[in-house]
Amino acid sequence: MRKFFPDTGINLKVFNEYKAIQDRYGIQIFMFFVDDEAGLIYGETLNIISAQHVCMYGGFRNKGTLYPLIDRRIIYFPVEVMREIAVIGVESLKMLAELTTKKQAYKSQI
């Protein structure tokens, strides 16, 4: 999840590739997101996370934010439409902290 927003995202190009696979083969794609800050794995089907949804966390003039949201080649999805899959153990969180691609300022403080 992003630090100041109740959402998470992936590269738009990657999203479009997953969508094309889903459409071409008629299968459902399930997206998993690993949140090393919350210690959770959550996710949902591509159809559910890519459906329009208004998240009322504040947004512009408290009218909410419409998702999916695209910003700088990243497509964001609200975590509230996803289901919790698993809790990540402390040892695994330590490993993830070493492997994260987040900027240093956002690295987990484990």
PDB file of N, CA and C in Angstrom:
ATOM      1  N   MET A   1       0.853  -1.169   0.000  1.00  0.00           N
ATOM      2  CA  MET A   1       0.000   0.000   0.000  1.00  0.00           C
ATOM      3  C   MET A   1       0.901   1.235   0.000  1.00  0.00           C
ATOM      4  N   ARG A   2       0.437   2.261  -0.696  1.00  0.00           N
ATOM      5  CA  ARG A   2       1.209   3.503  -0.679  1.00  0.00           C
ATOM      6  C   ARG A   2       1.161   4.103   0.716  1.00  0.00           C
ATOM      7  N   LYS A   3       2.165   4.893   1.014  1.00  0.00           N
ATOM      8  CA  LYS A   3       2.302   5.453   2.357  1.00  0.00           C
ATOM      9  C   LYS A   3       1.147   6.358   2.773  1.00  0.00           C
ATOM     10  N   PHE A   4       0.633   7.185   1.870  1.00  0.00           N
ATOM     11  CA  PHE A   4      -0.386   8.160   2.237  1.00  0.00           C
ATOM     12  C   PHE A   4      -1.742   7.934   1.583  1.00  0.00           C
ATOM     13  N   PHE A   5      -1.896   6.833   0.877  1.00  0.00           N
ATOM     14  CA  PHE A   5      -3.146   6.539   0.179  1.00  0.00           C
ATOM     15  C   PHE A   5      -3.549   5.090   0.412  1.00  0.00           C
ATOM     16  N   PRO A   6      -4.840   4.802   0.490  1.00  0.00           N
ATOM     17  CA  PRO A   6      -5.301   3.422   0.745  1.00  0.00           C
ATOM     18  C   PRO A   6      -5.390   2.609  -0.537  1.00  0.00           C
ATOM     19  N   ASP A   7      -4.269   2.597  -1.271  1.00  0.00           N
ATOM     20  CA  ASP A   7      -4.264   1.884  -2.539  1.00  0.00           C
ATOM     21  C   ASP A   7      -2.901   1.258  -2.802  1.00  0.00           C
ATOM     22  N   THR A   8      -2.844   0.472  -3.842  1.00  0.00           N
ATOM     23  CA  THR A   8      -1.596  -0.128  -4.281  1.00  0.00           C
ATOM     24  C   THR A   8      -1.666  -0.233  -5.786  1.00  0.00           C
ATOM     25  N   GLY A   9      -0.528  -0.409  -6.428  1.00  0.00           N
ATOM     26  CA  GLY A   9      -0.576  -0.418  -7.875  1.00  0.00           C
ATOM     27  C   GLY A   9       0.555  -1.168  -8.528  1.00  0.00           C
ATOM     28  N   ILE A  10       0.448  -1.223  -9.860  1.00  0.00           N
ATOM     29  CA  ILE A  10       1.479  -1.858 -10.683  1.00  0.00           C
ATOM     30  C   ILE A  10       1.714  -0.994 -11.912  1.00  0.00           C
ATOM     31  N   ASN A  11       2.780  -1.288 -12.613  1.00  0.00           N
ATOM     32  CA  ASN A  11       3.098  -0.620 -13.851  1.00  0.00           C
ATOM     33  C   ASN A  11       1.949  -0.803 -14.840  1.00  0.00           C
ATOM     34  N   LEU A  12       1.530   0.262 -15.492  1.00  0.00           N
ATOM     35  CA  LEU A  12       0.397   0.219 -16.409  1.00  0.00           C
ATOM     36  C   LEU A  12       0.642  -0.741 -17.571  1.00  0.00           C
ATOM     37  N   LYS A  13       1.852  -0.804 -18.062  1.00  0.00           N
ATOM     38  CA  LYS A  13       2.174  -1.722 -19.156  1.00  0.00           C
ATOM     39  C   LYS A  13       1.958  -3.173 -18.725  1.00  0.00           C
ATOM     40  N   VAL A  14       2.392  -3.498 -17.522  1.00  0.00           N
ATOM     41  CA  VAL A  14       2.212  -4.856 -16.990  1.00  0.00           C
ATOM     42  C   VAL A  14       0.724  -5.158 -16.821  1.00  0.00           C
ATOM     43  N   PHE A  15      -0.024  -4.192 -16.297  1.00  0.00           N
ATOM     44  CA  PHE A  15      -1.470  -4.369 -16.156  1.00  0.00           C
ATOM     45  C   PHE A  15      -2.114  -4.673 -17.506  1.00  0.00           C
ATOM     46  N   ASN A  16      -1.752  -3.899 -18.521  1.00  0.00           N
ATOM     47  CA  ASN A  16      -2.323  -4.111 -19.851  1.00  0.00           C
ATOM     48  C   ASN A  16      -1.960  -5.476 -20.418  1.00  0.00           C
ATOM     49  N   GLU A  17      -0.768  -5.964 -20.108  1.00  0.00           N
ATOM     50  CA  GLU A  17      -0.374  -7.311 -20.547  1.00  0.00           C
ATOM     51  C   GLU A  17      -1.228  -8.377 -19.858  1.00  0.00           C
ATOM     52  N   TYR A  18      -1.451  -8.243 -18.557  1.00  0.00           N
ATOM     53  CA  TYR A  18      -2.316  -9.192 -17.835  1.00  0.00           C
ATOM     54  C   TYR A  18      -3.740  -9.158 -18.381  1.00  0.00           C
ATOM     55  N   LYS A  19      -4.229  -7.946 -18.647  1.00  0.00           N
ATOM     56  CA  LYS A  19      -5.584  -7.791 -19.190  1.00  0.00           C
ATOM     57  C   LYS A  19      -5.696  -8.460 -20.558  1.00  0.00           C
ATOM     58  N   ALA A  20      -4.688  -8.305 -21.394  1.00  0.00           N
ATOM     59  CA  ALA A  20      -4.685  -8.926 -22.722  1.00  0.00           C
ATOM     60  C   ALA A  20      -4.684 -10.447 -22.617  1.00  0.00           C
ATOM     61  N   ILE A  21      -3.922 -10.993 -21.677  1.00  0.00           N
ATOM     62  CA  ILE A  21      -3.906 -12.447 -21.463  1.00  0.00           C
ATOM     63  C   ILE A  21      -5.287 -12.919 -21.036  1.00  0.00           C
ATOM     64  N   GLN A  22      -5.886 -12.195 -20.094  1.00  0.00           N
ATOM     65  CA  GLN A  22      -7.219 -12.552 -19.613  1.00  0.00           C
ATOM     66  C   GLN A  22      -8.235 -12.534 -20.755  1.00  0.00           C
ATOM     67  N   ASP A  23      -8.208 -11.491 -21.547  1.00  0.00           N
ATOM     68  CA  ASP A  23      -9.159 -11.356 -22.652  1.00  0.00           C
ATOM     69  C   ASP A  23      -8.919 -12.400 -23.743  1.00  0.00           C
ATOM     70  N   ARG A  24      -7.668 -12.645 -24.049  1.00  0.00           N
ATOM     71  CA  ARG A  24      -7.333 -13.585 -25.125  1.00  0.00           C
ATOM     72  C   ARG A  24      -7.721 -15.019 -24.797  1.00  0.00           C
ATOM     73  N   TYR A  25      -7.459 -15.426 -23.563  1.00  0.00           N
ATOM     74  CA  TYR A  25      -7.678 -16.824 -23.193  1.00  0.00           C
ATOM     75  C   TYR A  25      -8.968 -17.060 -22.407  1.00  0.00           C
ATOM     76  N   GLY A  26      -9.679 -15.994 -22.068  1.00  0.00           N
ATOM     77  CA  GLY A  26     -10.936 -16.138 -21.351  1.00  0.00           C
ATOM     78  C   GLY A  26     -10.778 -16.700 -19.949  1.00  0.00           C
ATOM     79  N   ILE A  27      -9.678 -16.348 -19.314  1.00  0.00           N
ATOM     80  CA  ILE A  27      -9.428 -16.811 -17.945  1.00  0.00           C
ATOM     81  C   ILE A  27      -9.417 -15.614 -17.011  1.00  0.00           C
ATOM     82  N   GLN A  28      -9.655 -15.873 -15.732  1.00  0.00           N
ATOM     83  CA  GLN A  28      -9.577 -14.795 -14.748  1.00  0.00           C
ATOM     84  C   GLN A  28      -8.159 -14.728 -14.196  1.00  0.00           C
ATOM     85  N   ILE A  29      -7.631 -13.536 -14.140  1.00  0.00           N
ATOM     86  CA  ILE A  29      -6.317 -13.297 -13.548  1.00  0.00           C
ATOM     87  C   ILE A  29      -6.537 -12.820 -12.118  1.00  0.00           C
ATOM     88  N   PHE A  30      -5.832 -13.432 -11.179  1.00  0.00           N
ATOM     89  CA  PHE A  30      -5.893 -13.008  -9.782  1.00  0.00           C
ATOM     90  C   PHE A  30      -4.593 -12.284  -9.475  1.00  0.00           C
ATOM     91  N   MET A  31      -4.706 -11.061  -8.976  1.00  0.00           N
ATOM     92  CA  MET A  31      -3.541 -10.252  -8.641  1.00  0.00           C
ATOM     93  C   MET A  31      -3.245 -10.338  -7.145  1.00  0.00           C
ATOM     94  N   PHE A  32      -1.999 -10.643  -6.815  1.00  0.00           N
ATOM     95  CA  PHE A  32      -1.541 -10.668  -5.430  1.00  0.00           C
ATOM     96  C   PHE A  32      -0.639  -9.474  -5.202  1.00  0.00           C
ATOM     97  N   PHE A  33      -0.804  -8.820  -4.058  1.00  0.00           N
ATOM     98  CA  PHE A  33       0.040  -7.696  -3.678  1.00  0.00           C
ATOM     99  C   PHE A  33       0.664  -8.008  -2.318  1.00  0.00           C
ATOM    100  N   VAL A  34       1.966  -7.837  -2.225  1.00  0.00           N
ATOM    101  CA  VAL A  34       2.699  -8.083  -0.982  1.00  0.00           C
ATOM    102  C   VAL A  34       2.967  -6.729  -0.338  1.00  0.00           C
ATOM    103  N   ASP A  35       2.442  -6.531   0.862  1.00  0.00           N
ATOM    104  CA  ASP A  35       2.589  -5.269   1.589  1.00  0.00           C
ATOM    105  C   ASP A  35       3.546  -5.496   2.749  1.00  0.00           C
ATOM    106  N   ASP A  36       4.802  -5.107   2.539  1.00  0.00           N
ATOM    107  CA  ASP A  36       5.809  -5.340   3.573  1.00  0.00           C
ATOM    108  C   ASP A  36       5.663  -4.387   4.752  1.00  0.00           C
ATOM    109  N   GLU A  37       4.917  -3.310   4.596  1.00  0.00           N
ATOM    110  CA  GLU A  37       4.680  -2.400   5.718  1.00  0.00           C
ATOM    111  C   GLU A  37       3.616  -2.961   6.664  1.00  0.00           C
ATOM    112  N   ALA A  38       2.509  -3.443   6.100  1.00  0.00           N
ATOM    113  CA  ALA A  38       1.415  -3.990   6.913  1.00  0.00           C
ATOM    114  C   ALA A  38       1.635  -5.458   7.255  1.00  0.00           C
ATOM    115  N   GLY A  39       2.588  -6.098   6.588  1.00  0.00           N
ATOM    116  CA  GLY A  39       2.836  -7.514   6.827  1.00  0.00           C
ATOM    117  C   GLY A  39       1.717  -8.394   6.288  1.00  0.00           C
ATOM    118  N   LEU A  40       1.164  -8.005   5.145  1.00  0.00           N
ATOM    119  CA  LEU A  40       0.025  -8.726   4.576  1.00  0.00           C
ATOM    120  C   LEU A  40       0.221  -9.015   3.089  1.00  0.00           C
ATOM    121  N   ILE A  41      -0.434 -10.069   2.647  1.00  0.00           N
ATOM    122  CA  ILE A  41      -0.608 -10.325   1.224  1.00  0.00           C
ATOM    123  C   ILE A  41      -2.101 -10.204   0.976  1.00  0.00           C
ATOM    124  N   TYR A  42      -2.477  -9.384   0.018  1.00  0.00           N
ATOM    125  CA  TYR A  42      -3.887  -9.234  -0.323  1.00  0.00           C
ATOM    126  C   TYR A  42      -4.017  -9.221  -1.835  1.00  0.00           C
ATOM    127  N   GLY A  43      -5.242  -9.376  -2.309  1.00  0.00           N
ATOM    128  CA  GLY A  43      -5.435  -9.377  -3.746  1.00  0.00           C
ATOM    129  C   GLY A  43      -6.879  -9.607  -4.127  1.00  0.00           C
ATOM    130  N   GLU A  44      -7.090  -9.680  -5.444  1.00  0.00           N
ATOM    131  CA  GLU A  44      -8.430  -9.883  -5.983  1.00  0.00           C
ATOM    132  C   GLU A  44      -8.297 -10.127  -7.476  1.00  0.00           C
ATOM    133  N   THR A  45      -9.395 -10.514  -8.105  1.00  0.00           N
ATOM    134  CA  THR A  45      -9.367 -10.744  -9.543  1.00  0.00           C
ATOM    135  C   THR A  45      -9.193  -9.420 -10.273  1.00  0.00           C
ATOM    136  N   LEU A  46      -8.625  -9.517 -11.454  1.00  0.00           N
ATOM    137  CA  LEU A  46      -8.405  -8.343 -12.284  1.00  0.00           C
ATOM    138  C   LEU A  46      -9.717  -7.628 -12.582  1.00  0.00           C
ATOM    139  N   ASN A  47     -10.775  -8.394 -12.810  1.00  0.00           N
ATOM    140  CA  ASN A  47     -12.081  -7.779 -13.101  1.00  0.00           C
ATOM    141  C   ASN A  47     -12.572  -6.924 -11.939  1.00  0.00           C
ATOM    142  N   ILE A  48     -12.396  -7.400 -10.726  1.00  0.00           N
ATOM    143  CA  ILE A  48     -12.880  -6.652  -9.561  1.00  0.00           C
ATOM    144  C   ILE A  48     -12.030  -5.420  -9.294  1.00  0.00           C
ATOM    145  N   ILE A  49     -10.708  -5.569  -9.309  1.00  0.00           N
ATOM    146  CA  ILE A  49      -9.875  -4.407  -8.986  1.00  0.00           C
ATOM    147  C   ILE A  49      -9.880  -3.356 -10.083  1.00  0.00           C
ATOM    148  N   SER A  50     -10.179  -3.764 -11.326  1.00  0.00           N
ATOM    149  CA  SER A  50     -10.169  -2.791 -12.414  1.00  0.00           C
ATOM    150  C   SER A  50     -11.543  -2.160 -12.669  1.00  0.00           C
ATOM    151  N   ALA A  51     -12.561  -2.611 -11.940  1.00  0.00           N
ATOM    152  CA  ALA A  51     -13.885  -1.987 -12.053  1.00  0.00           C
ATOM    153  C   ALA A  51     -13.859  -0.620 -11.366  1.00  0.00           C
ATOM    154  N   GLN A  52     -14.640   0.324 -11.883  1.00  0.00           N
ATOM    155  CA  GLN A  52     -14.674   1.642 -11.256  1.00  0.00           C
ATOM    156  C   GLN A  52     -15.198   1.545  -9.835  1.00  0.00           C
ATOM    157  N   HIS A  53     -14.523   2.270  -8.948  1.00  0.00           N
ATOM    158  CA  HIS A  53     -14.862   2.256  -7.525  1.00  0.00           C
ATOM    159  C   HIS A  53     -14.481   3.611  -6.947  1.00  0.00           C
ATOM    160  N   VAL A  54     -15.360   4.180  -6.144  1.00  0.00           N
ATOM    161  CA  VAL A  54     -15.043   5.437  -5.460  1.00  0.00           C
ATOM    162  C   VAL A  54     -14.617   5.110  -4.041  1.00  0.00           C
ATOM    163  N   CYS A  55     -13.420   5.532  -3.699  1.00  0.00           N
ATOM    164  CA  CYS A  55     -12.872   5.320  -2.356  1.00  0.00           C
ATOM    165  C   CYS A  55     -13.032   6.628  -1.593  1.00  0.00           C
ATOM    166  N   MET A  56     -13.731   6.588  -0.465  1.00  0.00           N
ATOM    167  CA  MET A  56     -14.049   7.796   0.288  1.00  0.00           C
ATOM    168  C   MET A  56     -13.048   8.082   1.411  1.00  0.00           C
ATOM    169  N   TYR A  57     -11.767   8.000   1.119  1.00  0.00           N
ATOM    170  CA  TYR A  57     -10.769   8.302   2.138  1.00  0.00           C
ATOM    171  C   TYR A  57     -10.539   9.799   2.278  1.00  0.00           C
ATOM    172  N   GLY A  58     -11.126  10.591   1.467  1.00  0.00           N
ATOM    173  CA  GLY A  58     -10.942  12.040   1.497  1.00  0.00           C
ATOM    174  C   GLY A  58     -11.001  12.544   0.079  1.00  0.00           C
ATOM    175  N   GLY A  59      -9.922  12.362  -0.614  1.00  0.00           N
ATOM    176  CA  GLY A  59      -9.907  12.746  -2.021  1.00  0.00           C
ATOM    177  C   GLY A  59     -10.130  14.227  -2.213  1.00  0.00           C
ATOM    178  N   PHE A  60     -10.427  14.606  -3.418  1.00  0.00           N
ATOM    179  CA  PHE A  60     -10.620  15.997  -3.772  1.00  0.00           C
ATOM    180  C   PHE A  60     -11.920  16.518  -3.184  1.00  0.00           C
ATOM    181  N   ARG A  61     -11.811  17.487  -2.301  1.00  0.00           N
ATOM    182  CA  ARG A  61     -12.971  18.115  -1.644  1.00  0.00           C
ATOM    183  C   ARG A  61     -13.897  17.085  -1.001  1.00  0.00           C
ATOM    184  N   ASN A  62     -13.311  16.023  -0.458  1.00  0.00           N
ATOM    185  CA  ASN A  62     -14.051  14.960   0.225  1.00  0.00           C
ATOM    186  C   ASN A  62     -15.119  14.300  -0.637  1.00  0.00           C
ATOM    187  N   LYS A  63     -14.933  14.331  -1.942  1.00  0.00           N
ATOM    188  CA  LYS A  63     -15.862  13.670  -2.850  1.00  0.00           C
ATOM    189  C   LYS A  63     -15.362  12.272  -3.213  1.00  0.00           C
ATOM    190  N   GLY A  64     -14.272  11.879  -2.613  1.00  0.00           N
ATOM    191  CA  GLY A  64     -13.722  10.563  -2.891  1.00  0.00           C
ATOM    192  C   GLY A  64     -12.813  10.568  -4.100  1.00  0.00           C
ATOM    193  N   THR A  65     -12.196   9.431  -4.308  1.00  0.00           N
ATOM    194  CA  THR A  65     -11.281   9.260  -5.432  1.00  0.00           C
ATOM    195  C   THR A  65     -11.775   8.112  -6.284  1.00  0.00           C
ATOM    196  N   LEU A  66     -11.830   8.323  -7.580  1.00  0.00           N
ATOM    197  CA  LEU A  66     -12.288   7.303  -8.503  1.00  0.00           C
ATOM    198  C   LEU A  66     -11.120   6.404  -8.893  1.00  0.00           C
ATOM    199  N   TYR A  67     -11.321   5.110  -8.701  1.00  0.00           N
ATOM    200  CA  TYR A  67     -10.332   4.103  -9.077  1.00  0.00           C
ATOM    201  C   TYR A  67     -10.890   3.236 -10.188  1.00  0.00           C
ATOM    202  N   PRO A  68     -10.021   2.599 -10.958  1.00  0.00           N
ATOM    203  CA  PRO A  68      -8.566   2.681 -10.899  1.00  0.00           C
ATOM    204  C   PRO A  68      -8.060   4.082 -11.258  1.00  0.00           C
ATOM    205  N   LEU A  69      -6.942   4.418 -10.671  1.00  0.00           N
ATOM    206  CA  LEU A  69      -6.330   5.728 -10.820  1.00  0.00           C
ATOM    207  C   LEU A  69      -4.991   5.543 -11.527  1.00  0.00           C
ATOM    208  N   ILE A  70      -4.759   6.293 -12.580  1.00  0.00           N
ATOM    209  CA  ILE A  70      -3.491   6.182 -13.307  1.00  0.00           C
ATOM    210  C   ILE A  70      -2.689   7.455 -13.077  1.00  0.00           C
ATOM    211  N   ASP A  71      -1.437   7.256 -12.657  1.00  0.00           N
ATOM    212  CA  ASP A  71      -0.537   8.377 -12.394  1.00  0.00           C
ATOM    213  C   ASP A  71       0.885   7.948 -12.726  1.00  0.00           C
ATOM    214  N   ARG A  72       1.504   8.653 -13.645  1.00  0.00           N
ATOM    215  CA  ARG A  72       2.898   8.398 -14.032  1.00  0.00           C
ATOM    216  C   ARG A  72       3.164   6.930 -14.373  1.00  0.00           C
ATOM    217  N   ARG A  73       2.370   6.377 -15.245  1.00  0.00           N
ATOM    218  CA  ARG A  73       2.512   5.005 -15.761  1.00  0.00           C
ATOM    219  C   ARG A  73       2.300   3.924 -14.705  1.00  0.00           C
ATOM    220  N   ILE A  74       1.673   4.289 -13.594  1.00  0.00           N
ATOM    221  CA  ILE A  74       1.286   3.312 -12.577  1.00  0.00           C
ATOM    222  C   ILE A  74      -0.233   3.343 -12.476  1.00  0.00           C
ATOM    223  N   ILE A  75      -0.847   2.168 -12.413  1.00  0.00           N
ATOM    224  CA  ILE A  75      -2.286   2.087 -12.200  1.00  0.00           C
ATOM    225  C   ILE A  75      -2.511   1.631 -10.763  1.00  0.00           C
ATOM    226  N   TYR A  76      -3.321   2.404 -10.042  1.00  0.00           N
ATOM    227  CA  TYR A  76      -3.575   2.139  -8.628  1.00  0.00           C
ATOM    228  C   TYR A  76      -4.983   1.588  -8.418  1.00  0.00           C
ATOM    229  N   PHE A  77      -5.097   0.685  -7.441  1.00  0.00           N
ATOM    230  CA  PHE A  77      -6.358   0.051  -7.091  1.00  0.00           C
ATOM    231  C   PHE A  77      -6.594   0.217  -5.593  1.00  0.00           C
ATOM    232  N   PRO A  78      -7.843   0.409  -5.164  1.00  0.00           N
ATOM    233  CA  PRO A  78      -8.111   0.568  -3.728  1.00  0.00           C
ATOM    234  C   PRO A  78      -7.988  -0.768  -3.000  1.00  0.00           C
ATOM    235  N   VAL A  79      -7.293  -0.757  -1.906  1.00  0.00           N
ATOM    236  CA  VAL A  79      -7.110  -1.979  -1.114  1.00  0.00           C
ATOM    237  C   VAL A  79      -8.452  -2.461  -0.546  1.00  0.00           C
ATOM    238  N   GLU A  80      -9.396  -1.553  -0.329  1.00  0.00           N
ATOM    239  CA  GLU A  80     -10.666  -1.937   0.286  1.00  0.00           C
ATOM    240  C   GLU A  80     -11.489  -2.908  -0.564  1.00  0.00           C
ATOM    241  N   VAL A  81     -11.194  -3.030  -1.856  1.00  0.00           N
ATOM    242  CA  VAL A  81     -11.938  -3.994  -2.683  1.00  0.00           C
ATOM    243  C   VAL A  81     -11.244  -5.357  -2.734  1.00  0.00           C
ATOM    244  N   MET A  82     -10.097  -5.462  -2.059  1.00  0.00           N
ATOM    245  CA  MET A  82      -9.323  -6.705  -2.079  1.00  0.00           C
ATOM    246  C   MET A  82      -9.572  -7.522  -0.821  1.00  0.00           C
ATOM    247  N   ARG A  83      -9.213  -8.793  -0.909  1.00  0.00           N
ATOM    248  CA  ARG A  83      -9.328  -9.655   0.270  1.00  0.00           C
ATOM    249  C   ARG A  83      -7.941 -10.004   0.805  1.00  0.00           C
ATOM    250  N   GLU A  84      -7.877 -10.157   2.109  1.00  0.00           N
ATOM    251  CA  GLU A  84      -6.625 -10.545   2.750  1.00  0.00           C
ATOM    252  C   GLU A  84      -6.370 -12.013   2.457  1.00  0.00           C
ATOM    253  N   ILE A  85      -5.163 -12.311   1.997  1.00  0.00           N
ATOM    254  CA  ILE A  85      -4.782 -13.679   1.645  1.00  0.00           C
ATOM    255  C   ILE A  85      -3.965 -14.315   2.763  1.00  0.00           C
ATOM    256  N   ALA A  86      -2.987 -13.580   3.283  1.00  0.00           N
ATOM    257  CA  ALA A  86      -2.103 -14.158   4.300  1.00  0.00           C
ATOM    258  C   ALA A  86      -1.408 -13.054   5.096  1.00  0.00           C
ATOM    259  N   VAL A  87      -0.973 -13.434   6.291  1.00  0.00           N
ATOM    260  CA  VAL A  87      -0.133 -12.578   7.121  1.00  0.00           C
ATOM    261  C   VAL A  87       1.309 -13.026   6.889  1.00  0.00           C
ATOM    262  N   ILE A  88       2.204 -12.061   6.746  1.00  0.00           N
ATOM    263  CA  ILE A  88       3.611 -12.372   6.484  1.00  0.00           C
ATOM    264  C   ILE A  88       4.362 -12.421   7.812  1.00  0.00           C
ATOM    265  N   GLY A  89       5.088 -13.490   8.031  1.00  0.00           N
ATOM    266  CA  GLY A  89       5.858 -13.662   9.260  1.00  0.00           C
ATOM    267  C   GLY A  89       7.043 -12.710   9.347  1.00  0.00           C
ATOM    268  N   VAL A  90       7.569 -12.530  10.548  1.00  0.00           N
ATOM    269  CA  VAL A  90       8.642 -11.576  10.805  1.00  0.00           C
ATOM    270  C   VAL A  90       9.899 -11.892   9.991  1.00  0.00           C
ATOM    271  N   GLU A  91      10.279 -13.153   9.918  1.00  0.00           N
ATOM    272  CA  GLU A  91      11.481 -13.513   9.158  1.00  0.00           C
ATOM    273  C   GLU A  91      11.310 -13.202   7.676  1.00  0.00           C
ATOM    274  N   SER A  92      10.143 -13.475   7.161  1.00  0.00           N
ATOM    275  CA  SER A  92       9.874 -13.164   5.750  1.00  0.00           C
ATOM    276  C   SER A  92       9.866 -11.659   5.515  1.00  0.00           C
ATOM    277  N   LEU A  93       9.359 -10.891   6.488  1.00  0.00           N
ATOM    278  CA  LEU A  93       9.379  -9.431   6.365  1.00  0.00           C
ATOM    279  C   LEU A  93      10.804  -8.899   6.310  1.00  0.00           C
ATOM    280  N   LYS A  94      11.693  -9.506   7.080  1.00  0.00           N
ATOM    281  CA  LYS A  94      13.101  -9.090   7.053  1.00  0.00           C
ATOM    282  C   LYS A  94      13.707  -9.348   5.677  1.00  0.00           C
ATOM    283  N   MET A  95      13.397 -10.487   5.094  1.00  0.00           N
ATOM    284  CA  MET A  95      13.886 -10.805   3.749  1.00  0.00           C
ATOM    285  C   MET A  95      13.320  -9.825   2.725  1.00  0.00           C
ATOM    286  N   LEU A  96      12.043  -9.522   2.834  1.00  0.00           N
ATOM    287  CA  LEU A  96      11.416  -8.576   1.906  1.00  0.00           C
ATOM    288  C   LEU A  96      12.045  -7.193   2.008  1.00  0.00           C
ATOM    289  N   ALA A  97      12.380  -6.775   3.220  1.00  0.00           N
ATOM    290  CA  ALA A  97      12.990  -5.459   3.418  1.00  0.00           C
ATOM    291  C   ALA A  97      14.306  -5.355   2.661  1.00  0.00           C
ATOM    292  N   GLU A  98      15.040  -6.470   2.577  1.00  0.00           N
ATOM    293  CA  GLU A  98      16.304  -6.478   1.852  1.00  0.00           C
ATOM    294  C   GLU A  98      16.095  -6.457   0.336  1.00  0.00           C
ATOM    295  N   LEU A  99      14.964  -6.962  -0.120  1.00  0.00           N
ATOM    296  CA  LEU A  99      14.711  -7.105  -1.555  1.00  0.00           C
ATOM    297  C   LEU A  99      13.827  -6.022  -2.148  1.00  0.00           C
ATOM    298  N   THR A 100      13.276  -5.161  -1.331  1.00  0.00           N
ATOM    299  CA  THR A 100      12.310  -4.179  -1.816  1.00  0.00           C
ATOM    300  C   THR A 100      12.900  -3.240  -2.862  1.00  0.00           C
ATOM    301  N   THR A 101      12.048  -2.809  -3.774  1.00  0.00           N
ATOM    302  CA  THR A 101      12.465  -1.849  -4.793  1.00  0.00           C
ATOM    303  C   THR A 101      11.995  -0.445  -4.442  1.00  0.00           C
ATOM    304  N   LYS A 102      11.424  -0.298  -3.242  1.00  0.00           N
ATOM    305  CA  LYS A 102      10.976   1.026  -2.802  1.00  0.00           C
ATOM    306  C   LYS A 102      12.183   1.917  -2.557  1.00  0.00           C
ATOM    307  N   LYS A 103      11.940   3.209  -2.625  1.00  0.00           N
ATOM    308  CA  LYS A 103      12.994   4.150  -2.296  1.00  0.00           C
ATOM    309  C   LYS A 103      13.404   3.947  -0.846  1.00  0.00           C
ATOM    310  N   GLN A 104      14.645   4.233  -0.549  1.00  0.00           N
ATOM    311  CA  GLN A 104      15.187   4.027   0.794  1.00  0.00           C
ATOM    312  C   GLN A 104      14.345   4.694   1.875  1.00  0.00           C
ATOM    313  N   ALA A 105      13.805   5.870   1.597  1.00  0.00           N
ATOM    314  CA  ALA A 105      13.009   6.596   2.591  1.00  0.00           C
ATOM    315  C   ALA A 105      11.746   5.848   2.986  1.00  0.00           C
ATOM    316  N   TYR A 106      11.270   4.954   2.120  1.00  0.00           N
ATOM    317  CA  TYR A 106      10.036   4.233   2.386  1.00  0.00           C
ATOM    318  C   TYR A 106      10.275   2.821   2.887  1.00  0.00           C
ATOM    319  N   LYS A 107      11.537   2.406   3.012  1.00  0.00           N
ATOM    320  CA  LYS A 107      11.819   1.035   3.444  1.00  0.00           C
ATOM    321  C   LYS A 107      11.254   0.779   4.843  1.00  0.00           C
ATOM    322  N   SER A 108      10.799  -0.432   5.028  1.00  0.00           N
ATOM    323  CA  SER A 108      10.236  -0.842   6.313  1.00  0.00           C
ATOM    324  C   SER A 108      11.288  -0.772   7.404  1.00  0.00           C
ATOM    325  N   GLN A 109      10.899  -0.333   8.563  1.00  0.00           N
ATOM    326  CA  GLN A 109      11.798  -0.258   9.715  1.00  0.00           C
ATOM    327  C   GLN A 109      11.623  -1.479  10.597  1.00  0.00           C
ATOM    328  N   ILE A 110      12.176  -2.584  10.192  1.00  0.00           N
ATOM    329  CA  ILE A 110      12.031  -3.847  10.956  1.00  0.00           C
ATOM    330  C   ILE A 110      13.227  -4.025  11.855  1.00  0.00           C
TER     331      ILE A 110
END
